[in-house]
């Protein structure tokens, strides 16, 4: 694993752990998805109690798969962007970065407008609850953290220089 991927993994895990919390027995999340440990949703034995080591291994493997999805669909993004969208993919699935038909963030990443793509993250704070898409406070908070991480290190476009006759006059 490259140093860049290791660094992004560490940041993405740091976002996921407090957002997901730890549950060593299976439960259904607000959207009704069977979940265990730090938000893992694959290959769950609902009768099992998972050890801390098993939960950490699931988190690392699932997050690495999420980061690899970002790398496949938005290759070469800066490390902070990889980490932020890696956590989003871990939580939501790859659509946010890989499906330009359904995701404006994916279109913006493909076009190279990374900062605008980062600002799309807060729009992904909804889950289907009782058949209705609703904003969930935990997702709103998580998307805000992802956006902050995502925008860190992404330079803002430079402000245009004043043209003759504009701006402050110098005496």
Protein backbone atom coordinates (compact mmCIF):
# COMPACT_ATOMS: atom_id res chain seq x y z
CA UNK A 1 0.00 0.00 0.00
CA UNK A 2 1.39 3.40 -0.97
CA UNK A 3 2.23 6.04 1.62
CA UNK A 4 -0.48 8.28 0.11
CA UNK A 5 -3.11 5.56 0.53
CA UNK A 6 -1.96 4.82 4.10
CA UNK A 7 -2.24 8.50 5.01
CA UNK A 8 -5.69 8.82 3.43
CA UNK A 9 -6.80 5.63 5.20
CA UNK A 10 -5.77 7.05 8.58
CA UNK A 11 -7.69 10.29 7.99
CA UNK A 12 -10.78 8.52 6.62
CA UNK A 13 -10.84 6.14 9.60
CA UNK A 14 -10.52 9.14 11.94
CA UNK A 15 -13.66 10.60 10.34
CA UNK A 16 -15.59 7.32 10.38
CA UNK A 17 -14.94 6.10 13.92
CA UNK A 18 -16.68 8.91 15.83
CA UNK A 19 -19.41 9.18 13.20
CA UNK A 20 -20.20 5.46 13.23
CA UNK A 21 -19.48 4.56 16.83
CA UNK A 22 -18.75 0.96 17.78
CA UNK A 23 -21.36 -1.76 18.11
CA UNK A 24 -20.02 -5.27 18.39
CA UNK A 25 -23.40 -6.88 17.75
CA UNK A 26 -25.43 -6.48 14.57
CA UNK A 27 -28.14 -3.81 14.38
CA UNK A 28 -30.21 -2.07 11.72
CA UNK A 29 -29.14 1.50 10.96
CA UNK A 30 -31.77 4.26 10.52
CA UNK A 31 -32.13 3.26 6.87
CA UNK A 32 -32.76 -0.37 7.85
CA UNK A 33 -29.37 -1.74 6.71
CA UNK A 34 -27.88 -4.56 8.83
CA UNK A 35 -24.70 -3.08 10.31
CA UNK A 36 -21.99 -4.03 12.81
CA UNK A 37 -18.81 -2.66 14.34
CA UNK A 38 -17.88 0.76 12.86
CA UNK A 39 -20.59 0.79 10.20
CA UNK A 40 -19.63 -2.38 8.32
CA UNK A 41 -22.49 -3.72 6.20
CA UNK A 42 -21.01 -6.75 4.39
CA UNK A 43 -20.99 -10.40 5.40
CA UNK A 44 -22.51 -9.88 8.83
CA UNK A 45 -23.46 -12.78 11.10
CA UNK A 46 -26.40 -11.34 13.05
CA UNK A 47 -25.92 -13.87 15.87
CA UNK A 48 -22.24 -13.07 16.44
CA UNK A 49 -20.54 -10.70 18.86
CA UNK A 50 -17.49 -9.27 17.08
CA UNK A 51 -14.19 -8.67 18.89
CA UNK A 52 -12.46 -5.30 18.81
CA UNK A 53 -9.78 -6.80 16.56
CA UNK A 54 -12.44 -8.11 14.14
CA UNK A 55 -14.13 -4.71 14.10
CA UNK A 56 -10.85 -2.93 13.39
CA UNK A 57 -10.02 -5.39 10.61
CA UNK A 58 -13.49 -4.90 9.05
CA UNK A 59 -13.10 -1.12 9.22
CA UNK A 60 -9.65 -1.15 7.64
CA UNK A 61 -10.69 -3.54 4.83
CA UNK A 62 -13.96 -1.74 4.08
CA UNK A 63 -12.32 1.70 4.16
CA UNK A 64 -9.49 0.54 1.92
CA UNK A 65 -12.07 -0.72 -0.59
CA UNK A 66 -13.81 2.68 -0.40
CA UNK A 67 -10.54 4.53 -1.03
CA UNK A 68 -9.78 2.25 -3.97
CA UNK A 69 -13.20 3.15 -5.43
CA UNK A 70 -12.31 6.83 -5.20
CA UNK A 71 -8.94 6.15 -6.85
CA UNK A 72 -10.63 4.24 -9.70
CA UNK A 73 -13.29 6.87 -10.35
CA UNK A 74 -11.34 10.06 -9.53
CA UNK A 75 -7.68 9.10 -9.98
CA UNK A 76 -5.00 11.36 -8.61
CA UNK A 77 -7.12 13.57 -6.35
CA UNK A 78 -5.18 15.16 -3.48
CA UNK A 79 -4.76 13.03 -0.35
CA UNK A 80 -7.25 15.07 1.71
CA UNK A 81 -9.86 14.74 -1.04
CA UNK A 82 -9.20 11.01 -1.28
CA UNK A 83 -9.72 10.69 2.49
CA UNK A 84 -12.92 12.76 2.58
CA UNK A 85 -14.55 11.06 -0.39
CA UNK A 86 -13.23 7.71 0.86
CA UNK A 87 -15.25 8.16 4.04
CA UNK A 88 -18.27 9.24 2.01
CA UNK A 89 -17.99 6.12 -0.17
CA UNK A 90 -17.57 3.98 2.96
CA UNK A 91 -20.81 5.43 4.32
CA UNK A 92 -22.85 5.86 1.12
CA UNK A 93 -21.36 3.63 -1.54
CA UNK A 94 -19.40 4.55 -4.68
CA UNK A 95 -22.22 6.44 -6.45
CA UNK A 96 -21.07 9.76 -4.97
CA UNK A 97 -17.75 9.60 -6.90
CA UNK A 98 -18.42 7.05 -9.63
CA UNK A 99 -21.85 7.88 -11.07
CA UNK A 100 -21.83 11.18 -12.98
CA UNK A 101 -25.48 10.70 -13.95
CA UNK A 102 -26.68 10.69 -10.32
CA UNK A 103 -23.92 12.67 -8.61
CA UNK A 104 -22.89 16.24 -9.32
CA UNK A 105 -19.82 15.59 -7.12
CA UNK A 106 -18.77 12.82 -9.52
CA UNK A 107 -19.21 15.15 -12.51
CA UNK A 108 -17.18 17.89 -10.82
CA UNK A 109 -14.39 15.48 -9.85
CA UNK A 110 -14.26 14.21 -13.43
CA UNK A 111 -14.02 17.81 -14.65
CA UNK A 112 -11.17 18.54 -12.21
CA UNK A 113 -13.16 21.03 -10.11
CA UNK A 114 -12.15 19.47 -6.80
CA UNK A 115 -13.18 22.37 -4.54
CA UNK A 116 -16.69 22.46 -6.02
CA UNK A 117 -16.93 18.67 -5.65
CA UNK A 118 -15.98 19.00 -1.98
CA UNK A 119 -18.75 21.56 -1.49
CA UNK A 120 -21.25 18.97 -2.77
CA UNK A 121 -20.67 16.66 0.21
CA UNK A 122 -23.27 18.31 2.52
CA UNK A 123 -26.00 17.48 -0.03
CA UNK A 124 -25.49 13.77 0.78
CA UNK A 125 -26.91 13.89 4.31
CA UNK A 126 -30.13 11.99 3.66
CA UNK A 127 -31.29 8.43 4.19
CA UNK A 128 -34.52 6.67 3.42
CA UNK A 129 -36.48 6.31 6.65
CA UNK A 130 -39.96 4.84 6.44
CA UNK A 131 -39.80 5.19 2.66
CA UNK A 132 -39.02 8.92 2.79
CA UNK A 133 -35.67 10.63 2.22
CA UNK A 134 -34.83 12.72 5.29
CA UNK A 135 -31.76 14.59 6.49
CA UNK A 136 -30.21 12.85 9.46
CA UNK A 137 -28.33 15.02 11.99
CA UNK A 138 -25.47 12.53 12.23
CA UNK A 139 -25.03 12.51 8.46
CA UNK A 140 -25.20 16.31 8.31
CA UNK A 141 -22.40 16.53 10.86
CA UNK A 142 -20.34 13.84 9.12
CA UNK A 143 -20.66 15.48 5.70
CA UNK A 144 -19.55 18.81 7.24
CA UNK A 145 -16.41 17.15 8.62
CA UNK A 146 -15.73 15.49 5.26
CA UNK A 147 -16.13 18.82 3.46
CA UNK A 148 -13.75 20.52 5.89
CA UNK A 149 -11.14 17.81 5.37
CA UNK A 150 -11.76 17.83 1.62
CA UNK A 151 -11.26 21.59 1.28
CA UNK A 152 -8.15 21.61 3.47
CA UNK A 153 -5.21 21.85 1.12
CA UNK A 154 -7.35 22.62 -1.91
CA UNK A 155 -6.38 26.14 -2.87
CA UNK A 156 -9.19 28.57 -3.43
CA UNK A 157 -9.18 30.19 -6.82
CA UNK A 158 -7.19 33.41 -6.70
CA UNK A 159 -9.19 36.60 -6.43
CA UNK A 160 -9.12 38.58 -9.66
CA UNK A 161 -6.72 41.47 -9.64
CA UNK A 162 -8.36 44.90 -9.70
CA UNK A 163 -8.51 46.46 -13.14
CA UNK A 164 -7.59 50.07 -13.83
CA UNK A 165 -10.02 52.37 -12.08
CA UNK A 166 -11.23 49.68 -9.64
CA UNK A 167 -10.34 49.01 -6.06
CA UNK A 168 -8.55 51.31 -3.68
CA UNK A 169 -6.69 54.30 -4.91
CA UNK A 170 -3.16 54.93 -3.76
CA UNK A 171 -2.25 58.54 -3.02
